[in-house]
Every structure is written in C-alpha cells, then in structure tokens.
Amino acid sequence: MAYIDKTLAQGEHILARGHFHWTYSITSWMWLLIAGWALIGIYMFFSRQIRKWTTELVVTNRRFVFKRGVLNIKTDEFTANRIQAITLSQPWLGRLLGYGQLNIRGEEIGQFGLPVIADPLAFRKALISSAEGANSAKLPAAA
C-alpha cells in the first residue's frame, strides 16, 4: 500500500499522481548496459531505480504530498493554497516526449524542484485545482 493511501483523511481524494517519465528508466538501463561491467553502472542503475520506486508525488483535493525514501522517509506535505508560484522547465525534447520538471515556491515552504515527471502540465493543473478548492472551502457562505 502506498504512503498516500495510508494518510488520506476522510473526504480527501486523489486528483493526480506524478510519475517518472519512461526516459528515466531508459537512462537507468543505459547505465547498466554501458557501464554494467563496472560497479558504477550497477550502482547508478539501482540508485536511480530505487529513487523511482520510493518516490510519490500526489495532489489531493486538500494537499500536495512529495514523499521519498524507503528506510528513511522524508515527506513534504502542505495545502496547495500555500503555493505562490509554479514554474515549468521543459526542454524541446521534453515538449516532444511529454516530460518536464516543476519548481514550486510558496509561503513558509520555501522553494524546491520536483523530479522530472511525465505530463507536467496535467500535474500543474491538478495543483492549481487543489489550491482553488482549498481557497473556496475557506470562503464564508453567502447570506
């Protein structure tokens, strides 16, 4: 069971999950094929794949969760309405193949970059939707 599935609150549901792009796995396999005879190739393959297997990027209707690690788990969790800016880095090949990197900046959360993910525009859209939902939930009811 995934970390996020264990931590969902009542009434909370997942809007989007971020996934490493398939080129990430290809690069890992290239390390193994090209430098597999050396320990560096084996090390690079497994360190990259373990990072992929143990990273969760999730947007719910209430918050954003960035979890990484297997033995030592580190999570960044915050309500999406605390995000002030989302920037997208997407090279020409990323636009062609559908991958990119999002950088998030917000109040009291600082600035950090996410790993390269598939379909970063859809993930960004989910972050914006989550923030809008959190903001509308805080508005007082009209009389």
N, C-alpha and C. Protein backbone atom coordinates (compact mmCIF):
# COMPACT_ATOMS: atom_id res chain seq x y z
N MET A 1 0.84 -1.17 0.00
CA MET A 1 0.00 0.00 0.00
C MET A 1 0.90 1.25 0.00
N ALA A 2 0.56 2.20 -0.82
CA ALA A 2 1.34 3.41 -0.95
C ALA A 2 1.18 4.30 0.29
N TYR A 3 2.18 5.12 0.52
CA TYR A 3 2.17 6.05 1.67
C TYR A 3 0.92 6.93 1.65
N ILE A 4 0.61 7.49 0.51
CA ILE A 4 -0.52 8.41 0.44
C ILE A 4 -1.83 7.71 0.76
N ASP A 5 -1.97 6.47 0.35
CA ASP A 5 -3.20 5.73 0.64
C ASP A 5 -3.39 5.53 2.14
N LYS A 6 -2.30 5.44 2.88
CA LYS A 6 -2.37 5.28 4.33
C LYS A 6 -2.69 6.59 5.04
N THR A 7 -2.43 7.73 4.39
CA THR A 7 -2.55 9.02 5.07
C THR A 7 -3.72 9.87 4.59
N LEU A 8 -4.56 9.34 3.71
CA LEU A 8 -5.71 10.12 3.24
C LEU A 8 -6.69 10.35 4.38
N ALA A 9 -7.12 11.59 4.53
CA ALA A 9 -8.11 11.94 5.54
C ALA A 9 -9.50 11.64 5.00
N GLN A 10 -10.48 11.66 5.89
CA GLN A 10 -11.85 11.41 5.48
C GLN A 10 -12.29 12.53 4.53
N GLY A 11 -12.86 12.17 3.41
CA GLY A 11 -13.31 13.14 2.43
C GLY A 11 -12.22 13.62 1.48
N GLU A 12 -11.01 13.14 1.67
CA GLU A 12 -9.90 13.53 0.80
C GLU A 12 -9.76 12.51 -0.33
N HIS A 13 -9.56 13.00 -1.55
CA HIS A 13 -9.37 12.09 -2.68
C HIS A 13 -8.24 12.60 -3.57
N ILE A 14 -7.66 11.69 -4.32
CA ILE A 14 -6.50 11.99 -5.16
C ILE A 14 -6.95 12.61 -6.47
N LEU A 15 -6.33 13.75 -6.81
CA LEU A 15 -6.59 14.42 -8.09
C LEU A 15 -5.57 13.99 -9.14
N ALA A 16 -4.31 13.82 -8.74
CA ALA A 16 -3.26 13.44 -9.70
C ALA A 16 -2.10 12.78 -8.97
N ARG A 17 -1.46 11.86 -9.68
CA ARG A 17 -0.22 11.24 -9.22
C ARG A 17 0.86 11.57 -10.24
N GLY A 18 2.00 12.02 -9.76
CA GLY A 18 3.13 12.27 -10.65
C GLY A 18 3.95 11.00 -10.82
N HIS A 19 4.38 10.76 -12.05
CA HIS A 19 5.16 9.56 -12.35
C HIS A 19 6.43 9.96 -13.09
N PHE A 20 7.51 9.26 -12.79
CA PHE A 20 8.73 9.47 -13.55
C PHE A 20 8.45 9.13 -15.01
N HIS A 21 9.01 9.90 -15.90
CA HIS A 21 8.85 9.65 -17.34
C HIS A 21 9.62 8.39 -17.72
N TRP A 22 9.20 7.73 -18.79
CA TRP A 22 9.84 6.49 -19.21
C TRP A 22 11.31 6.69 -19.58
N THR A 23 11.71 7.90 -19.94
CA THR A 23 13.11 8.15 -20.28
C THR A 23 14.02 8.00 -19.06
N TYR A 24 13.46 8.17 -17.86
CA TYR A 24 14.23 7.98 -16.63
C TYR A 24 14.69 6.52 -16.53
N SER A 25 13.78 5.60 -16.80
CA SER A 25 14.12 4.16 -16.75
C SER A 25 15.09 3.79 -17.86
N ILE A 26 14.90 4.38 -19.04
CA ILE A 26 15.82 4.10 -20.15
C ILE A 26 17.24 4.52 -19.78
N THR A 27 17.37 5.69 -19.16
CA THR A 27 18.69 6.16 -18.73
C THR A 27 19.30 5.22 -17.71
N SER A 28 18.49 4.73 -16.79
CA SER A 28 18.98 3.77 -15.79
C SER A 28 19.48 2.50 -16.47
N TRP A 29 18.71 1.98 -17.41
CA TRP A 29 19.11 0.78 -18.13
C TRP A 29 20.38 1.02 -18.96
N MET A 30 20.52 2.22 -19.51
CA MET A 30 21.72 2.55 -20.28
C MET A 30 22.95 2.50 -19.37
N TRP A 31 22.82 3.01 -18.14
CA TRP A 31 23.92 2.93 -17.19
C TRP A 31 24.32 1.47 -16.97
N LEU A 32 23.32 0.61 -16.83
CA LEU A 32 23.60 -0.80 -16.58
C LEU A 32 24.22 -1.47 -17.80
N LEU A 33 23.71 -1.18 -18.99
CA LEU A 33 24.22 -1.81 -20.20
C LEU A 33 25.62 -1.32 -20.58
N ILE A 34 25.82 -0.02 -20.48
CA ILE A 34 27.10 0.55 -20.91
C ILE A 34 28.19 0.37 -19.88
N ALA A 35 27.87 0.59 -18.61
CA ALA A 35 28.89 0.52 -17.57
C ALA A 35 28.60 -0.59 -16.56
N GLY A 36 27.78 -1.57 -16.96
CA GLY A 36 27.41 -2.65 -16.06
C GLY A 36 28.58 -3.51 -15.62
N TRP A 37 29.59 -3.59 -16.45
CA TRP A 37 30.77 -4.37 -16.10
C TRP A 37 31.53 -3.71 -14.94
N ALA A 38 31.34 -2.40 -14.79
CA ALA A 38 31.97 -1.68 -13.67
C ALA A 38 30.92 -1.51 -12.57
N LEU A 39 31.38 -1.41 -11.37
CA LEU A 39 30.45 -1.24 -10.24
C LEU A 39 29.65 0.05 -10.36
N ILE A 40 30.20 1.06 -11.02
CA ILE A 40 29.48 2.33 -11.13
C ILE A 40 28.17 2.16 -11.91
N GLY A 41 28.18 1.32 -12.94
CA GLY A 41 26.96 1.08 -13.72
C GLY A 41 25.87 0.42 -12.89
N ILE A 42 26.26 -0.58 -12.13
CA ILE A 42 25.31 -1.28 -11.26
C ILE A 42 24.78 -0.33 -10.18
N TYR A 43 25.71 0.43 -9.59
CA TYR A 43 25.31 1.39 -8.55
C TYR A 43 24.33 2.42 -9.11
N MET A 44 24.65 3.01 -10.28
CA MET A 44 23.79 4.04 -10.87
C MET A 44 22.41 3.48 -11.21
N PHE A 45 22.38 2.27 -11.76
CA PHE A 45 21.11 1.65 -12.12
C PHE A 45 20.22 1.50 -10.88
N PHE A 46 20.77 0.86 -9.84
CA PHE A 46 19.94 0.61 -8.66
C PHE A 46 19.62 1.87 -7.88
N SER A 47 20.52 2.81 -7.78
CA SER A 47 20.21 4.05 -7.05
C SER A 47 19.10 4.84 -7.76
N ARG A 48 19.14 4.87 -9.09
CA ARG A 48 18.09 5.56 -9.85
C ARG A 48 16.76 4.84 -9.74
N GLN A 49 16.77 3.52 -9.86
CA GLN A 49 15.53 2.76 -9.81
C GLN A 49 14.90 2.79 -8.40
N ILE A 50 15.73 2.71 -7.38
CA ILE A 50 15.20 2.79 -6.01
C ILE A 50 14.57 4.15 -5.78
N ARG A 51 15.20 5.21 -6.30
CA ARG A 51 14.60 6.54 -6.20
C ARG A 51 13.24 6.57 -6.88
N LYS A 52 13.15 5.97 -8.04
CA LYS A 52 11.87 5.92 -8.77
C LYS A 52 10.82 5.14 -8.00
N TRP A 53 11.19 3.98 -7.48
CA TRP A 53 10.25 3.11 -6.79
C TRP A 53 9.76 3.69 -5.47
N THR A 54 10.55 4.54 -4.84
CA THR A 54 10.21 5.02 -3.49
C THR A 54 9.75 6.48 -3.46
N THR A 55 9.55 7.08 -4.61
CA THR A 55 9.09 8.47 -4.66
C THR A 55 7.61 8.50 -5.00
N GLU A 56 6.87 9.30 -4.23
CA GLU A 56 5.45 9.52 -4.51
C GLU A 56 5.20 11.01 -4.63
N LEU A 57 4.54 11.39 -5.70
CA LEU A 57 4.11 12.77 -5.93
C LEU A 57 2.60 12.74 -6.11
N VAL A 58 1.88 13.34 -5.19
CA VAL A 58 0.42 13.24 -5.22
C VAL A 58 -0.21 14.59 -4.91
N VAL A 59 -1.26 14.90 -5.65
CA VAL A 59 -2.09 16.07 -5.37
C VAL A 59 -3.47 15.54 -5.00
N THR A 60 -3.95 15.95 -3.84
CA THR A 60 -5.31 15.59 -3.44
C THR A 60 -6.16 16.86 -3.49
N ASN A 61 -7.43 16.72 -3.16
CA ASN A 61 -8.30 17.88 -3.14
C ASN A 61 -7.98 18.81 -1.97
N ARG A 62 -7.08 18.40 -1.06
CA ARG A 62 -6.72 19.22 0.10
C ARG A 62 -5.25 19.58 0.20
N ARG A 63 -4.35 18.76 -0.38
CA ARG A 63 -2.92 18.99 -0.16
C ARG A 63 -2.06 18.40 -1.27
N PHE A 64 -0.77 18.74 -1.18
CA PHE A 64 0.25 18.21 -2.07
C PHE A 64 1.20 17.38 -1.21
N VAL A 65 1.58 16.20 -1.67
CA VAL A 65 2.47 15.30 -0.93
C VAL A 65 3.63 14.89 -1.84
N PHE A 66 4.85 15.10 -1.33
CA PHE A 66 6.07 14.68 -2.03
C PHE A 66 6.83 13.80 -1.05
N LYS A 67 6.74 12.48 -1.23
CA LYS A 67 7.37 11.51 -0.34
C LYS A 67 8.50 10.81 -1.06
N ARG A 68 9.62 10.64 -0.37
CA ARG A 68 10.75 9.90 -0.94
C ARG A 68 11.44 9.12 0.17
N GLY A 69 12.10 8.04 -0.26
CA GLY A 69 12.83 7.21 0.68
C GLY A 69 12.12 5.91 0.98
N VAL A 70 12.93 4.95 1.47
CA VAL A 70 12.37 3.65 1.83
C VAL A 70 12.65 3.33 3.30
N LEU A 71 13.87 3.49 3.73
CA LEU A 71 14.20 3.27 5.14
C LEU A 71 14.06 4.58 5.92
N ASN A 72 14.64 5.63 5.40
CA ASN A 72 14.49 6.97 5.96
C ASN A 72 13.54 7.73 5.05
N ILE A 73 12.32 7.88 5.49
CA ILE A 73 11.30 8.53 4.68
C ILE A 73 11.30 10.03 4.96
N LYS A 74 11.26 10.81 3.90
CA LYS A 74 11.13 12.27 4.01
C LYS A 74 9.92 12.68 3.21
N THR A 75 9.05 13.47 3.82
CA THR A 75 7.87 13.96 3.11
C THR A 75 7.79 15.47 3.21
N ASP A 76 7.30 16.06 2.15
CA ASP A 76 6.90 17.46 2.15
C ASP A 76 5.41 17.44 1.86
N GLU A 77 4.63 17.91 2.81
CA GLU A 77 3.18 17.94 2.66
C GLU A 77 2.68 19.32 3.05
N PHE A 78 1.85 19.89 2.20
CA PHE A 78 1.27 21.19 2.53
C PHE A 78 0.01 21.38 1.70
N THR A 79 -0.84 22.28 2.19
CA THR A 79 -2.04 22.59 1.43
C THR A 79 -1.64 23.36 0.19
N ALA A 80 -2.29 23.06 -0.90
CA ALA A 80 -1.90 23.65 -2.18
C ALA A 80 -2.14 25.15 -2.22
N ASN A 81 -3.00 25.68 -1.36
CA ASN A 81 -3.22 27.13 -1.39
C ASN A 81 -2.04 27.91 -0.83
N ARG A 82 -1.04 27.25 -0.28
CA ARG A 82 0.18 27.92 0.19
C ARG A 82 1.20 28.10 -0.93
N ILE A 83 0.92 27.54 -2.09
CA ILE A 83 1.82 27.68 -3.24
C ILE A 83 1.65 29.07 -3.83
N GLN A 84 2.76 29.77 -4.02
CA GLN A 84 2.73 31.10 -4.63
C GLN A 84 3.08 31.06 -6.10
N ALA A 85 3.97 30.15 -6.50
CA ALA A 85 4.40 30.09 -7.90
C ALA A 85 4.78 28.67 -8.27
N ILE A 86 4.44 28.30 -9.50
CA ILE A 86 4.85 27.03 -10.07
C ILE A 86 5.51 27.35 -11.41
N THR A 87 6.77 26.96 -11.54
CA THR A 87 7.45 27.17 -12.81
C THR A 87 7.75 25.82 -13.44
N LEU A 88 7.68 25.80 -14.76
CA LEU A 88 7.91 24.58 -15.52
C LEU A 88 9.19 24.71 -16.33
N SER A 89 10.07 23.73 -16.21
CA SER A 89 11.25 23.64 -17.05
C SER A 89 11.04 22.46 -17.99
N GLN A 90 10.96 22.77 -19.28
CA GLN A 90 10.68 21.72 -20.25
C GLN A 90 11.49 21.99 -21.51
N PRO A 91 12.59 21.25 -21.70
CA PRO A 91 13.39 21.44 -22.92
C PRO A 91 12.59 21.00 -24.15
N TRP A 92 13.12 21.28 -25.33
CA TRP A 92 12.39 20.95 -26.57
C TRP A 92 12.11 19.46 -26.66
N LEU A 93 13.06 18.62 -26.23
CA LEU A 93 12.84 17.18 -26.25
C LEU A 93 11.76 16.79 -25.24
N GLY A 94 11.72 17.49 -24.11
CA GLY A 94 10.68 17.26 -23.11
C GLY A 94 9.30 17.61 -23.64
N ARG A 95 9.21 18.68 -24.40
CA ARG A 95 7.93 19.04 -25.02
C ARG A 95 7.50 17.97 -26.02
N LEU A 96 8.47 17.46 -26.78
CA LEU A 96 8.18 16.45 -27.79
C LEU A 96 7.76 15.12 -27.15
N LEU A 97 8.46 14.72 -26.09
CA LEU A 97 8.21 13.42 -25.46
C LEU A 97 7.26 13.49 -24.26
N GLY A 98 6.91 14.69 -23.81
CA GLY A 98 5.94 14.83 -22.73
C GLY A 98 6.49 14.74 -21.32
N TYR A 99 7.67 15.31 -21.06
CA TYR A 99 8.19 15.35 -19.70
C TYR A 99 8.70 16.74 -19.36
N GLY A 100 8.85 16.99 -18.07
CA GLY A 100 9.35 18.28 -17.61
C GLY A 100 9.53 18.26 -16.10
N GLN A 101 10.03 19.37 -15.60
CA GLN A 101 10.28 19.50 -14.16
C GLN A 101 9.55 20.72 -13.64
N LEU A 102 8.82 20.53 -12.55
CA LEU A 102 8.13 21.63 -11.90
C LEU A 102 8.93 22.11 -10.70
N ASN A 103 9.01 23.41 -10.54
CA ASN A 103 9.63 24.03 -9.36
C ASN A 103 8.52 24.77 -8.63
N ILE A 104 8.43 24.53 -7.35
CA ILE A 104 7.34 25.09 -6.54
C ILE A 104 7.93 26.05 -5.51
N ARG A 105 7.28 27.21 -5.38
CA ARG A 105 7.68 28.18 -4.37
C ARG A 105 6.42 28.62 -3.63
N GLY A 106 6.54 28.74 -2.30
CA GLY A 106 5.38 29.13 -1.53
C GLY A 106 5.73 29.71 -0.19
N GLU A 107 4.72 30.26 0.44
CA GLU A 107 4.91 30.85 1.76
C GLU A 107 5.15 29.76 2.79
N GLU A 108 6.17 29.95 3.57
CA GLU A 108 6.58 29.05 4.65
C GLU A 108 7.03 27.66 4.16
N ILE A 109 7.06 27.43 2.86
CA ILE A 109 7.52 26.14 2.36
C ILE A 109 8.81 26.28 1.57
N GLY A 110 9.17 27.50 1.25
CA GLY A 110 10.40 27.74 0.51
C GLY A 110 10.24 27.37 -0.96
N GLN A 111 11.35 27.00 -1.57
CA GLN A 111 11.34 26.64 -2.98
C GLN A 111 12.04 25.30 -3.16
N PHE A 112 11.46 24.43 -3.96
CA PHE A 112 12.11 23.16 -4.26
C PHE A 112 11.63 22.66 -5.61
N GLY A 113 12.48 21.83 -6.22
CA GLY A 113 12.15 21.26 -7.51
C GLY A 113 11.73 19.81 -7.37
N LEU A 114 10.77 19.44 -8.17
CA LEU A 114 10.34 18.05 -8.23
C LEU A 114 11.19 17.31 -9.24
N PRO A 115 11.23 16.00 -9.18
CA PRO A 115 11.96 15.25 -10.21
C PRO A 115 11.27 15.42 -11.57
N VAL A 116 11.95 15.05 -12.62
CA VAL A 116 11.38 15.10 -13.97
C VAL A 116 10.23 14.10 -14.02
N ILE A 117 9.04 14.60 -14.41
CA ILE A 117 7.85 13.75 -14.43
C ILE A 117 7.20 13.75 -15.81
N ALA A 118 6.39 12.74 -16.04
CA ALA A 118 5.59 12.66 -17.25
C ALA A 118 4.39 13.59 -17.11
N ASP A 119 4.01 14.22 -18.18
CA ASP A 119 2.85 15.11 -18.25
C ASP A 119 2.83 16.15 -17.13
N PRO A 120 3.86 17.01 -17.09
CA PRO A 120 3.92 18.01 -16.02
C PRO A 120 2.80 19.04 -16.09
N LEU A 121 2.24 19.28 -17.27
CA LEU A 121 1.16 20.26 -17.39
C LEU A 121 -0.10 19.77 -16.67
N ALA A 122 -0.41 18.49 -16.79
CA ALA A 122 -1.58 17.95 -16.09
C ALA A 122 -1.37 17.98 -14.57
N PHE A 123 -0.13 17.71 -14.13
CA PHE A 123 0.16 17.74 -12.69
C PHE A 123 0.03 19.18 -12.18
N ARG A 124 0.54 20.13 -12.94
CA ARG A 124 0.42 21.55 -12.57
C ARG A 124 -1.05 21.97 -12.51
N LYS A 125 -1.83 21.52 -13.46
CA LYS A 125 -3.26 21.83 -13.48
C LYS A 125 -3.95 21.28 -12.23
N ALA A 126 -3.57 20.07 -11.81
CA ALA A 126 -4.14 19.48 -10.59
C ALA A 126 -3.75 20.28 -9.35
N LEU A 127 -2.50 20.77 -9.31
CA LEU A 127 -2.07 21.63 -8.19
C LEU A 127 -2.91 22.90 -8.13
N ILE A 128 -3.15 23.50 -9.28
CA ILE A 128 -3.96 24.72 -9.32
C ILE A 128 -5.39 24.43 -8.91
N SER A 129 -5.95 23.32 -9.37
CA SER A 129 -7.31 22.93 -8.98
C SER A 129 -7.42 22.69 -7.49
N SER A 130 -6.40 22.06 -6.93
CA SER A 130 -6.39 21.79 -5.50
C SER A 130 -6.34 23.10 -4.71
N ALA A 131 -5.53 24.03 -5.16
CA ALA A 131 -5.42 25.33 -4.49
C ALA A 131 -6.74 26.08 -4.57
N GLU A 132 -7.39 26.04 -5.73
CA GLU A 132 -8.68 26.72 -5.88
C GLU A 132 -9.73 26.10 -4.99
N GLY A 133 -9.72 24.77 -4.87
CA GLY A 133 -10.66 24.08 -3.99
C GLY A 133 -10.43 24.42 -2.53
N ALA A 134 -9.16 24.54 -2.13
CA ALA A 134 -8.84 24.89 -0.75
C ALA A 134 -9.24 26.33 -0.46
N ASN A 135 -9.06 27.22 -1.41
CA ASN A 135 -9.44 28.61 -1.22
C ASN A 135 -10.95 28.77 -1.15
N SER A 136 -11.70 28.06 -1.99
CA SER A 136 -13.15 28.18 -1.97
C SER A 136 -13.74 27.55 -0.71
N ALA A 137 -13.07 26.56 -0.15
CA ALA A 137 -13.55 25.95 1.09
C ALA A 137 -13.42 26.90 2.27
N LYS A 138 -12.49 27.86 2.19
CA LYS A 138 -12.27 28.80 3.28
C LYS A 138 -13.17 30.02 3.19
N LEU A 139 -13.80 30.25 2.04
CA LEU A 139 -14.64 31.42 1.87
C LEU A 139 -15.93 31.26 2.69
N PRO A 140 -16.39 32.34 3.31
CA PRO A 140 -17.64 32.25 4.08
C PRO A 140 -18.83 32.08 3.14
N ALA A 141 -19.84 31.43 3.63
CA ALA A 141 -21.04 31.20 2.84
C ALA A 141 -21.75 32.52 2.61
N ALA A 142 -22.32 32.67 1.42
CA ALA A 142 -23.06 33.90 1.09
C ALA A 142 -24.39 33.88 1.83
N ALA A 143 -24.81 35.06 2.27
CA ALA A 143 -26.05 35.16 3.02
C ALA A 143 -27.25 35.27 2.11
